[in-house]
PDB file of N, CA and C in Angstrom:
ATOM      1  N   MET A   1      14.507   9.486 -11.651  1.00  0.00           N
ATOM      2  CA  MET A   1      13.725   8.402 -11.120  1.00  0.00           C
ATOM      3  C   MET A   1      13.484   7.347 -12.205  1.00  0.00           C
ATOM      4  N   ARG A   2      13.586   6.090 -11.818  1.00  0.00           N
ATOM      5  CA  ARG A   2      13.281   5.000 -12.739  1.00  0.00           C
ATOM      6  C   ARG A   2      11.786   4.980 -13.012  1.00  0.00           C
ATOM      7  N   LYS A   3      11.441   4.654 -14.257  1.00  0.00           N
ATOM      8  CA  LYS A   3      10.031   4.531 -14.624  1.00  0.00           C
ATOM      9  C   LYS A   3       9.840   3.274 -15.432  1.00  0.00           C
ATOM     10  N   ALA A   4       8.718   2.614 -15.188  1.00  0.00           N
ATOM     11  CA  ALA A   4       8.374   1.402 -15.919  1.00  0.00           C
ATOM     12  C   ALA A   4       6.885   1.415 -16.220  1.00  0.00           C
ATOM     13  N   ILE A   5       6.518   0.633 -17.223  1.00  0.00           N
ATOM     14  CA  ILE A   5       5.117   0.367 -17.528  1.00  0.00           C
ATOM     15  C   ILE A   5       4.902  -1.108 -17.238  1.00  0.00           C
ATOM     16  N   VAL A   6       3.869  -1.404 -16.473  1.00  0.00           N
ATOM     17  CA  VAL A   6       3.594  -2.785 -16.085  1.00  0.00           C
ATOM     18  C   VAL A   6       2.152  -3.127 -16.441  1.00  0.00           C
ATOM     19  N   ALA A   7       1.980  -4.269 -17.097  1.00  0.00           N
ATOM     20  CA  ALA A   7       0.653  -4.838 -17.311  1.00  0.00           C
ATOM     21  C   ALA A   7       0.481  -5.923 -16.264  1.00  0.00           C
ATOM     22  N   VAL A   8      -0.583  -5.838 -15.486  1.00  0.00           N
ATOM     23  CA  VAL A   8      -0.808  -6.829 -14.436  1.00  0.00           C
ATOM     24  C   VAL A   8      -2.237  -7.346 -14.518  1.00  0.00           C
ATOM     25  N   SER A   9      -2.348  -8.646 -14.369  1.00  0.00           N
ATOM     26  CA  SER A   9      -3.651  -9.298 -14.300  1.00  0.00           C
ATOM     27  C   SER A   9      -3.674 -10.113 -13.016  1.00  0.00           C
ATOM     28  N   ILE A  10      -4.596  -9.784 -12.125  1.00  0.00           N
ATOM     29  CA  ILE A  10      -4.717 -10.471 -10.842  1.00  0.00           C
ATOM     30  C   ILE A  10      -6.135 -11.014 -10.751  1.00  0.00           C
ATOM     31  N   ALA A  11      -6.244 -12.320 -10.524  1.00  0.00           N
ATOM     32  CA  ALA A  11      -7.574 -12.924 -10.449  1.00  0.00           C
ATOM     33  C   ALA A  11      -7.569 -14.102  -9.482  1.00  0.00           C
ATOM     34  N   PRO A  12      -8.649 -14.248  -8.727  1.00  0.00           N
ATOM     35  CA  PRO A  12      -8.758 -15.407  -7.850  1.00  0.00           C
ATOM     36  C   PRO A  12      -9.056 -16.645  -8.691  1.00  0.00           C
ATOM     37  N   LEU A  13      -8.590 -17.777  -8.228  1.00  0.00           N
ATOM     38  CA  LEU A  13      -8.886 -19.039  -8.903  1.00  0.00           C
ATOM     39  C   LEU A  13      -9.940 -19.795  -8.097  1.00  0.00           C
ATOM     40  N   GLY A  14     -10.873 -20.425  -8.798  1.00  0.00           N
ATOM     41  CA  GLY A  14     -11.885 -21.235  -8.141  1.00  0.00           C
ATOM     42  C   GLY A  14     -13.032 -20.459  -7.525  1.00  0.00           C
ATOM     43  N   GLU A  15     -13.186 -19.192  -7.897  1.00  0.00           N
ATOM     44  CA  GLU A  15     -14.240 -18.361  -7.317  1.00  0.00           C
ATOM     45  C   GLU A  15     -15.415 -18.159  -8.261  1.00  0.00           C
ATOM     46  N   GLY A  16     -15.478 -18.946  -9.337  1.00  0.00           N
ATOM     47  CA  GLY A  16     -16.589 -18.841 -10.279  1.00  0.00           C
ATOM     48  C   GLY A  16     -16.210 -18.077 -11.534  1.00  0.00           C
ATOM     49  N   PRO A  17     -17.159 -18.009 -12.483  1.00  0.00           N
ATOM     50  CA  PRO A  17     -16.851 -17.392 -13.786  1.00  0.00           C
ATOM     51  C   PRO A  17     -16.726 -15.875 -13.756  1.00  0.00           C
ATOM     52  N   SER A  18     -17.342 -15.204 -12.787  1.00  0.00           N
ATOM     53  CA  SER A  18     -17.258 -13.750 -12.714  1.00  0.00           C
ATOM     54  C   SER A  18     -16.388 -13.350 -11.523  1.00  0.00           C
ATOM     55  N   VAL A  19     -15.366 -12.562 -11.789  1.00  0.00           N
ATOM     56  CA  VAL A  19     -14.455 -12.142 -10.721  1.00  0.00           C
ATOM     57  C   VAL A  19     -14.412 -10.618 -10.571  1.00  0.00           C
ATOM     58  N   SER A  20     -15.393  -9.931 -11.141  1.00  0.00           N
ATOM     59  CA  SER A  20     -15.355  -8.461 -11.125  1.00  0.00           C
ATOM     60  C   SER A  20     -15.384  -7.884  -9.712  1.00  0.00           C
ATOM     61  N   ASP A  21     -16.043  -8.541  -8.767  1.00  0.00           N
ATOM     62  CA  ASP A  21     -16.028  -8.046  -7.381  1.00  0.00           C
ATOM     63  C   ASP A  21     -14.609  -8.051  -6.823  1.00  0.00           C
ATOM     64  N   TYR A  22     -13.850  -9.095  -7.147  1.00  0.00           N
ATOM     65  CA  TYR A  22     -12.468  -9.206  -6.682  1.00  0.00           C
ATOM     66  C   TYR A  22     -11.586  -8.165  -7.371  1.00  0.00           C
ATOM     67  N   VAL A  23     -11.771  -8.010  -8.677  1.00  0.00           N
ATOM     68  CA  VAL A  23     -10.987  -7.024  -9.425  1.00  0.00           C
ATOM     69  C   VAL A  23     -11.281  -5.619  -8.895  1.00  0.00           C
ATOM     70  N   ALA A  24     -12.541  -5.344  -8.621  1.00  0.00           N
ATOM     71  CA  ALA A  24     -12.905  -4.020  -8.085  1.00  0.00           C
ATOM     72  C   ALA A  24     -12.192  -3.760  -6.759  1.00  0.00           C
ATOM     73  N   GLU A  25     -12.075  -4.782  -5.947  1.00  0.00           N
ATOM     74  CA  GLU A  25     -11.379  -4.626  -4.662  1.00  0.00           C
ATOM     75  C   GLU A  25      -9.898  -4.285  -4.887  1.00  0.00           C
ATOM     76  N   ALA A  26      -9.277  -4.963  -5.839  1.00  0.00           N
ATOM     77  CA  ALA A  26      -7.867  -4.685  -6.152  1.00  0.00           C
ATOM     78  C   ALA A  26      -7.702  -3.275  -6.721  1.00  0.00           C
ATOM     79  N   ILE A  27      -8.630  -2.843  -7.548  1.00  0.00           N
ATOM     80  CA  ILE A  27      -8.546  -1.499  -8.131  1.00  0.00           C
ATOM     81  C   ILE A  27      -8.753  -0.437  -7.060  1.00  0.00           C
ATOM     82  N   ARG A  28      -9.606  -0.709  -6.078  1.00  0.00           N
ATOM     83  CA  ARG A  28      -9.770   0.240  -4.961  1.00  0.00           C
ATOM     84  C   ARG A  28      -8.440   0.457  -4.250  1.00  0.00           C
ATOM     85  N   VAL A  29      -7.715  -0.622  -4.032  1.00  0.00           N
ATOM     86  CA  VAL A  29      -6.406  -0.526  -3.379  1.00  0.00           C
ATOM     87  C   VAL A  29      -5.469   0.338  -4.222  1.00  0.00           C
ATOM     88  N   LEU A  30      -5.437   0.090  -5.514  1.00  0.00           N
ATOM     89  CA  LEU A  30      -4.582   0.847  -6.433  1.00  0.00           C
ATOM     90  C   LEU A  30      -4.957   2.328  -6.412  1.00  0.00           C
ATOM     91  N   LYS A  31      -6.236   2.598  -6.473  1.00  0.00           N
ATOM     92  CA  LYS A  31      -6.718   3.988  -6.484  1.00  0.00           C
ATOM     93  C   LYS A  31      -6.387   4.696  -5.174  1.00  0.00           C
ATOM     94  N   GLU A  32      -6.618   4.030  -4.055  1.00  0.00           N
ATOM     95  CA  GLU A  32      -6.369   4.641  -2.751  1.00  0.00           C
ATOM     96  C   GLU A  32      -4.884   4.852  -2.490  1.00  0.00           C
ATOM     97  N   ASP A  33      -4.032   3.984  -3.017  1.00  0.00           N
ATOM     98  CA  ASP A  33      -2.588   4.125  -2.810  1.00  0.00           C
ATOM     99  C   ASP A  33      -2.096   5.437  -3.417  1.00  0.00           C
ATOM    100  N   GLY A  34      -2.473   5.710  -4.651  1.00  0.00           N
ATOM    101  CA  GLY A  34      -2.191   6.988  -5.281  1.00  0.00           C
ATOM    102  C   GLY A  34      -0.757   7.282  -5.692  1.00  0.00           C
ATOM    103  N   ARG A  35       0.150   6.316  -5.555  1.00  0.00           N
ATOM    104  CA  ARG A  35       1.558   6.608  -5.874  1.00  0.00           C
ATOM    105  C   ARG A  35       1.925   6.336  -7.326  1.00  0.00           C
ATOM    106  N   VAL A  36       1.052   5.680  -8.074  1.00  0.00           N
ATOM    107  CA  VAL A  36       1.351   5.361  -9.467  1.00  0.00           C
ATOM    108  C   VAL A  36       0.155   5.739 -10.333  1.00  0.00           C
ATOM    109  N   GLU A  37       0.441   5.930 -11.609  1.00  0.00           N
ATOM    110  CA  GLU A  37      -0.651   6.150 -12.553  1.00  0.00           C
ATOM    111  C   GLU A  37      -1.107   4.792 -13.056  1.00  0.00           C
ATOM    112  N   TRP A  38      -2.366   4.698 -13.470  1.00  0.00           N
ATOM    113  CA  TRP A  38      -2.883   3.411 -13.912  1.00  0.00           C
ATOM    114  C   TRP A  38      -4.085   3.602 -14.835  1.00  0.00           C
ATOM    115  N   GLU A  39      -4.358   2.527 -15.564  1.00  0.00           N
ATOM    116  CA  GLU A  39      -5.513   2.500 -16.453  1.00  0.00           C
ATOM    117  C   GLU A  39      -6.066   1.080 -16.461  1.00  0.00           C
ATOM    118  N   LEU A  40      -7.338   0.950 -16.173  1.00  0.00           N
ATOM    119  CA  LEU A  40      -7.995  -0.351 -16.175  1.00  0.00           C
ATOM    120  C   LEU A  40      -8.372  -0.734 -17.593  1.00  0.00           C
ATOM    121  N   GLY A  41      -8.049  -1.950 -17.985  1.00  0.00           N
ATOM    122  CA  GLY A  41      -8.433  -2.474 -19.289  1.00  0.00           C
ATOM    123  C   GLY A  41      -9.286  -3.716 -19.119  1.00  0.00           C
ATOM    124  N   PRO A  42      -9.805  -4.271 -20.199  1.00  0.00           N
ATOM    125  CA  PRO A  42     -10.680  -5.432 -20.091  1.00  0.00           C
ATOM    126  C   PRO A  42      -9.970  -6.723 -19.687  1.00  0.00           C
ATOM    127  N   MET A  43      -8.666  -6.812 -19.923  1.00  0.00           N
ATOM    128  CA  MET A  43      -7.927  -8.036 -19.624  1.00  0.00           C
ATOM    129  C   MET A  43      -6.806  -7.832 -18.611  1.00  0.00           C
ATOM    130  N   CYS A  44      -6.400  -6.577 -18.416  1.00  0.00           N
ATOM    131  CA  CYS A  44      -5.331  -6.296 -17.458  1.00  0.00           C
ATOM    132  C   CYS A  44      -5.403  -4.832 -17.056  1.00  0.00           C
ATOM    133  N   THR A  45      -4.626  -4.497 -16.054  1.00  0.00           N
ATOM    134  CA  THR A  45      -4.490  -3.113 -15.630  1.00  0.00           C
ATOM    135  C   THR A  45      -3.075  -2.672 -15.960  1.00  0.00           C
ATOM    136  N   THR A  46      -2.944  -1.512 -16.584  1.00  0.00           N
ATOM    137  CA  THR A  46      -1.636  -0.959 -16.899  1.00  0.00           C
ATOM    138  C   THR A  46      -1.289   0.052 -15.815  1.00  0.00           C
ATOM    139  N   ILE A  47      -0.098  -0.112 -15.255  1.00  0.00           N
ATOM    140  CA  ILE A  47       0.372   0.756 -14.181  1.00  0.00           C
ATOM    141  C   ILE A  47       1.717   1.325 -14.613  1.00  0.00           C
ATOM    142  N   TRP A  48       1.962   2.614 -14.368  1.00  0.00           N
ATOM    143  CA  TRP A  48       3.281   3.154 -14.681  1.00  0.00           C
ATOM    144  C   TRP A  48       3.780   4.056 -13.570  1.00  0.00           C
ATOM    145  N   GLY A  49       5.098   3.973 -13.390  1.00  0.00           N
ATOM    146  CA  GLY A  49       5.749   4.726 -12.329  1.00  0.00           C
ATOM    147  C   GLY A  49       7.032   4.028 -11.915  1.00  0.00           C
ATOM    148  N   ASP A  50       7.456   4.250 -10.684  1.00  0.00           N
ATOM    149  CA  ASP A  50       8.664   3.630 -10.158  1.00  0.00           C
ATOM    150  C   ASP A  50       8.427   2.126  -9.983  1.00  0.00           C
ATOM    151  N   PRO A  51       9.312   1.283 -10.554  1.00  0.00           N
ATOM    152  CA  PRO A  51       9.089  -0.171 -10.480  1.00  0.00           C
ATOM    153  C   PRO A  51       8.972  -0.708  -9.055  1.00  0.00           C
ATOM    154  N   ALA A  52       9.767  -0.202  -8.133  1.00  0.00           N
ATOM    155  CA  ALA A  52       9.705  -0.689  -6.754  1.00  0.00           C
ATOM    156  C   ALA A  52       8.333  -0.392  -6.138  1.00  0.00           C
ATOM    157  N   VAL A  53       7.816   0.781  -6.408  1.00  0.00           N
ATOM    158  CA  VAL A  53       6.500   1.156  -5.895  1.00  0.00           C
ATOM    159  C   VAL A  53       5.423   0.313  -6.560  1.00  0.00           C
ATOM    160  N   ILE A  54       5.547   0.110  -7.874  1.00  0.00           N
ATOM    161  CA  ILE A  54       4.566  -0.699  -8.596  1.00  0.00           C
ATOM    162  C   ILE A  54       4.462  -2.087  -7.978  1.00  0.00           C
ATOM    163  N   PHE A  55       5.599  -2.716  -7.690  1.00  0.00           N
ATOM    164  CA  PHE A  55       5.558  -4.057  -7.117  1.00  0.00           C
ATOM    165  C   PHE A  55       4.948  -4.051  -5.716  1.00  0.00           C
ATOM    166  N   GLU A  56       5.208  -3.018  -4.934  1.00  0.00           N
ATOM    167  CA  GLU A  56       4.563  -2.897  -3.616  1.00  0.00           C
ATOM    168  C   GLU A  56       3.045  -2.835  -3.768  1.00  0.00           C
ATOM    169  N   VAL A  57       2.590  -2.029  -4.711  1.00  0.00           N
ATOM    170  CA  VAL A  57       1.157  -1.858  -4.919  1.00  0.00           C
ATOM    171  C   VAL A  57       0.524  -3.157  -5.420  1.00  0.00           C
ATOM    172  N   ILE A  58       1.207  -3.850  -6.321  1.00  0.00           N
ATOM    173  CA  ILE A  58       0.679  -5.123  -6.828  1.00  0.00           C
ATOM    174  C   ILE A  58       0.513  -6.124  -5.683  1.00  0.00           C
ATOM    175  N   LEU A  59       1.464  -6.182  -4.777  1.00  0.00           N
ATOM    176  CA  LEU A  59       1.333  -7.083  -3.628  1.00  0.00           C
ATOM    177  C   LEU A  59       0.126  -6.698  -2.770  1.00  0.00           C
ATOM    178  N   LYS A  60      -0.116  -5.406  -2.600  1.00  0.00           N
ATOM    179  CA  LYS A  60      -1.282  -4.953  -1.843  1.00  0.00           C
ATOM    180  C   LYS A  60      -2.581  -5.324  -2.570  1.00  0.00           C
ATOM    181  N   MET A  61      -2.574  -5.226  -3.896  1.00  0.00           N
ATOM    182  CA  MET A  61      -3.749  -5.595  -4.686  1.00  0.00           C
ATOM    183  C   MET A  61      -4.038  -7.092  -4.548  1.00  0.00           C
ATOM    184  N   GLN A  62      -2.988  -7.888  -4.611  1.00  0.00           N
ATOM    185  CA  GLN A  62      -3.149  -9.330  -4.473  1.00  0.00           C
ATOM    186  C   GLN A  62      -3.673  -9.677  -3.076  1.00  0.00           C
ATOM    187  N   GLU A  63      -3.117  -9.036  -2.067  1.00  0.00           N
ATOM    188  CA  GLU A  63      -3.551  -9.287  -0.692  1.00  0.00           C
ATOM    189  C   GLU A  63      -5.023  -8.928  -0.501  1.00  0.00           C
ATOM    190  N   ALA A  64      -5.495  -7.897  -1.204  1.00  0.00           N
ATOM    191  CA  ALA A  64      -6.902  -7.500  -1.104  1.00  0.00           C
ATOM    192  C   ALA A  64      -7.822  -8.628  -1.548  1.00  0.00           C
ATOM    193  N   MET A  65      -7.407  -9.389  -2.531  1.00  0.00           N
ATOM    194  CA  MET A  65      -8.235 -10.514  -2.995  1.00  0.00           C
ATOM    195  C   MET A  65      -8.300 -11.610  -1.940  1.00  0.00           C
ATOM    196  N   PHE A  66      -7.184 -11.846  -1.253  1.00  0.00           N
ATOM    197  CA  PHE A  66      -7.208 -12.828  -0.170  1.00  0.00           C
ATOM    198  C   PHE A  66      -8.111 -12.343   0.980  1.00  0.00           C
ATOM    199  N   ARG A  67      -8.033 -11.058   1.295  1.00  0.00           N
ATOM    200  CA  ARG A  67      -8.893 -10.517   2.352  1.00  0.00           C
ATOM    201  C   ARG A  67     -10.371 -10.652   1.993  1.00  0.00           C
ATOM    202  N   LYS A  68     -10.664 -10.591   0.694  1.00  0.00           N
ATOM    203  CA  LYS A  68     -12.054 -10.715   0.224  1.00  0.00           C
ATOM    204  C   LYS A  68     -12.539 -12.160   0.297  1.00  0.00           C
ATOM    205  N   GLY A  69     -11.625 -13.105   0.515  1.00  0.00           N
ATOM    206  CA  GLY A  69     -12.052 -14.492   0.679  1.00  0.00           C
ATOM    207  C   GLY A  69     -11.441 -15.486  -0.280  1.00  0.00           C
ATOM    208  N   ALA A  70     -10.680 -15.022  -1.265  1.00  0.00           N
ATOM    209  CA  ALA A  70     -10.042 -15.955  -2.196  1.00  0.00           C
ATOM    210  C   ALA A  70      -9.016 -16.793  -1.438  1.00  0.00           C
ATOM    211  N   VAL A  71      -8.900 -18.054  -1.807  1.00  0.00           N
ATOM    212  CA  VAL A  71      -7.885 -18.914  -1.188  1.00  0.00           C
ATOM    213  C   VAL A  71      -6.714 -19.161  -2.129  1.00  0.00           C
ATOM    214  N   ARG A  72      -6.894 -18.795  -3.406  1.00  0.00           N
ATOM    215  CA  ARG A  72      -5.818 -18.926  -4.391  1.00  0.00           C
ATOM    216  C   ARG A  72      -5.939 -17.763  -5.374  1.00  0.00           C
ATOM    217  N   VAL A  73      -4.838 -17.076  -5.627  1.00  0.00           N
ATOM    218  CA  VAL A  73      -4.837 -15.911  -6.517  1.00  0.00           C
ATOM    219  C   VAL A  73      -3.717 -16.060  -7.536  1.00  0.00           C
ATOM    220  N   SER A  74      -4.058 -15.828  -8.804  1.00  0.00           N
ATOM    221  CA  SER A  74      -3.076 -15.879  -9.886  1.00  0.00           C
ATOM    222  C   SER A  74      -2.738 -14.449 -10.313  1.00  0.00           C
ATOM    223  N   THR A  75      -1.437 -14.151 -10.389  1.00  0.00           N
ATOM    224  CA  THR A  75      -0.985 -12.822 -10.799  1.00  0.00           C
ATOM    225  C   THR A  75       0.002 -12.960 -11.944  1.00  0.00           C
ATOM    226  N   VAL A  76      -0.277 -12.262 -13.044  1.00  0.00           N
ATOM    227  CA  VAL A  76       0.602 -12.251 -14.206  1.00  0.00           C
ATOM    228  C   VAL A  76       1.100 -10.823 -14.380  1.00  0.00           C
ATOM    229  N   ILE A  77       2.435 -10.666 -14.479  1.00  0.00           N
ATOM    230  CA  ILE A  77       3.047  -9.337 -14.583  1.00  0.00           C
ATOM    231  C   ILE A  77       3.944  -9.285 -15.814  1.00  0.00           C
ATOM    232  N   LYS A  78       3.770  -8.233 -16.606  1.00  0.00           N
ATOM    233  CA  LYS A  78       4.656  -7.971 -17.747  1.00  0.00           C
ATOM    234  C   LYS A  78       5.154  -6.543 -17.586  1.00  0.00           C
ATOM    235  N   MET A  79       6.485  -6.370 -17.593  1.00  0.00           N
ATOM    236  CA  MET A  79       7.073  -5.057 -17.307  1.00  0.00           C
ATOM    237  C   MET A  79       7.962  -4.585 -18.451  1.00  0.00           C
ATOM    238  N   ASP A  80       7.853  -3.293 -18.768  1.00  0.00           N
ATOM    239  CA  ASP A  80       8.705  -2.639 -19.754  1.00  0.00           C
ATOM    240  C   ASP A  80       9.393  -1.476 -19.043  1.00  0.00           C
ATOM    241  N   GLU A  81      10.712  -1.549 -18.949  1.00  0.00           N
ATOM    242  CA  GLU A  81      11.474  -0.474 -18.309  1.00  0.00           C
ATOM    243  C   GLU A  81      12.552  -0.005 -19.268  1.00  0.00           C
ATOM    244  N   ARG A  82      12.616   1.300 -19.472  1.00  0.00           N
ATOM    245  CA  ARG A  82      13.674   1.902 -20.296  1.00  0.00           C
ATOM    246  C   ARG A  82      14.448   2.862 -19.433  1.00  0.00           C
ATOM    247  N   ARG A  83      15.739   2.926 -19.711  1.00  0.00           N
ATOM    248  CA  ARG A  83      16.573   3.863 -18.938  1.00  0.00           C
ATOM    249  C   ARG A  83      17.090   5.002 -19.811  1.00  0.00           C
ATOM    250  N   ASP A  84      16.767   4.945 -21.113  1.00  0.00           N
ATOM    251  CA  ASP A  84      17.272   5.981 -22.020  1.00  0.00           C
ATOM    252  C   ASP A  84      16.282   7.123 -22.231  1.00  0.00           C
ATOM    253  N   LYS A  85      14.998   6.909 -21.885  1.00  0.00           N
ATOM    254  CA  LYS A  85      14.022   7.988 -22.005  1.00  0.00           C
ATOM    255  C   LYS A  85      12.794   7.666 -21.167  1.00  0.00           C
ATOM    256  N   GLU A  86      11.979   8.678 -20.954  1.00  0.00           N
ATOM    257  CA  GLU A  86      10.764   8.551 -20.151  1.00  0.00           C
ATOM    258  C   GLU A  86       9.745   7.662 -20.855  1.00  0.00           C
ATOM    259  N   LEU A  87       9.095   6.808 -20.098  1.00  0.00           N
ATOM    260  CA  LEU A  87       8.059   5.940 -20.645  1.00  0.00           C
ATOM    261  C   LEU A  87       6.677   6.470 -20.285  1.00  0.00           C
ATOM    262  N   ASP A  88       5.787   6.447 -21.268  1.00  0.00           N
ATOM    263  CA  ASP A  88       4.392   6.809 -21.059  1.00  0.00           C
ATOM    264  C   ASP A  88       3.573   5.896 -21.960  1.00  0.00           C
ATOM    265  N   PRO A  89       2.669   5.091 -21.404  1.00  0.00           N
ATOM    266  CA  PRO A  89       1.927   4.145 -22.233  1.00  0.00           C
ATOM    267  C   PRO A  89       1.096   4.821 -23.313  1.00  0.00           C
ATOM    268  N   ARG A  90       0.597   6.008 -23.038  1.00  0.00           N
ATOM    269  CA  ARG A  90      -0.208   6.709 -24.049  1.00  0.00           C
ATOM    270  C   ARG A  90       0.645   7.082 -25.251  1.00  0.00           C
ATOM    271  N   LYS A  91       1.891   7.478 -25.005  1.00  0.00           N
ATOM    272  CA  LYS A  91       2.779   7.841 -26.119  1.00  0.00           C
ATOM    273  C   LYS A  91       3.146   6.619 -26.945  1.00  0.00           C
ATOM    274  N   LYS A  92       3.275   5.463 -26.301  1.00  0.00           N
ATOM    275  CA  LYS A  92       3.554   4.226 -27.035  1.00  0.00           C
ATOM    276  C   LYS A  92       2.409   3.914 -27.995  1.00  0.00           C
ATOM    277  N   VAL A  93       1.180   4.054 -27.526  1.00  0.00           N
ATOM    278  CA  VAL A  93       0.009   3.795 -28.362  1.00  0.00           C
ATOM    279  C   VAL A  93      -0.063   4.821 -29.494  1.00  0.00           C
ATOM    280  N   GLU A  94       0.170   6.084 -29.169  1.00  0.00           N
ATOM    281  CA  GLU A  94       0.130   7.136 -30.193  1.00  0.00           C
ATOM    282  C   GLU A  94       1.158   6.887 -31.291  1.00  0.00           C
ATOM    283  N   ALA A  95       2.344   6.433 -30.940  1.00  0.00           N
ATOM    284  CA  ALA A  95       3.386   6.176 -31.940  1.00  0.00           C
ATOM    285  C   ALA A  95       2.958   5.077 -32.912  1.00  0.00           C
ATOM    286  N   VAL A  96       2.337   4.043 -32.398  1.00  0.00           N
ATOM    287  CA  VAL A  96       1.845   2.966 -33.274  1.00  0.00           C
ATOM    288  C   VAL A  96       0.721   3.475 -34.158  1.00  0.00           C
ATOM    289  N   MET A  97      -0.205   4.220 -33.594  1.00  0.00           N
ATOM    290  CA  MET A  97      -1.351   4.710 -34.376  1.00  0.00           C
ATOM    291  C   MET A  97      -0.909   5.662 -35.477  1.00  0.00           C
ATOM    292  N   ARG A  98       0.120   6.466 -35.219  1.00  0.00           N
ATOM    293  CA  ARG A  98       0.643   7.339 -36.282  1.00  0.00           C
ATOM    294  C   ARG A  98       1.146   6.498 -37.446  1.00  0.00           C
ATOM    295  N   LYS A  99       1.793   5.401 -37.154  1.00  0.00           N
ATOM    296  CA  LYS A  99       2.299   4.511 -38.209  1.00  0.00           C
ATOM    297  C   LYS A  99       1.153   3.818 -38.936  1.00  0.00           C
ATOM    298  N   VAL A 100       0.135   3.428 -38.211  1.00  0.00           N
ATOM    299  CA  VAL A 100      -1.041   2.801 -38.831  1.00  0.00           C
ATOM    300  C   VAL A 100      -1.695   3.768 -39.811  1.00  0.00           C
ATOM    301  N   GLU A 101      -1.741   5.023 -39.423  1.00  0.00           N
ATOM    302  CA  GLU A 101      -2.349   6.053 -40.241  1.00  0.00           C
ATOM    303  C   GLU A 101      -1.400   6.625 -41.290  1.00  0.00           C
ATOM    304  N   GLY A 102      -0.171   6.114 -41.345  1.00  0.00           N
ATOM    305  CA  GLY A 102       0.809   6.554 -42.338  1.00  0.00           C
ATOM    306  C   GLY A 102       1.389   7.919 -42.055  1.00  0.00           C
ATOM    307  N   LYS A 103       1.413   8.327 -40.793  1.00  0.00           N
ATOM    308  CA  LYS A 103       1.896   9.668 -40.435  1.00  0.00           C
ATOM    309  C   LYS A 103       3.275   9.644 -39.801  1.00  0.00           C
ATOM    310  N   ALA A 104       3.927   8.506 -39.770  1.00  0.00           N
ATOM    311  CA  ALA A 104       5.244   8.442 -39.110  1.00  0.00           C
ATOM    312  C   ALA A 104       6.352   8.344 -40.109  1.00  0.00           C
TER     313      ALA A 104
END
């Protein structure tokens, strides 16, 4: 199975300085879908799994913001896909930290 790591930031435009209600709605969709692993961060959500499924889920997350009342939604997606080995975002972070600590 193909695996990718995707950083996604989805936010309504013109809805004021705080958008956490909208983000919470998108995260509910992600959580309820259950087909991909994910981690919420302060600036984006990291999702990993099959790229086709990830894009389906992102579209559902974006649609949730429109259902909540947004009239314009901005979505930024950054994807890392490797075909030579399994990707896991935690292992990527661990590899960097080992080097920072001089253990690599």
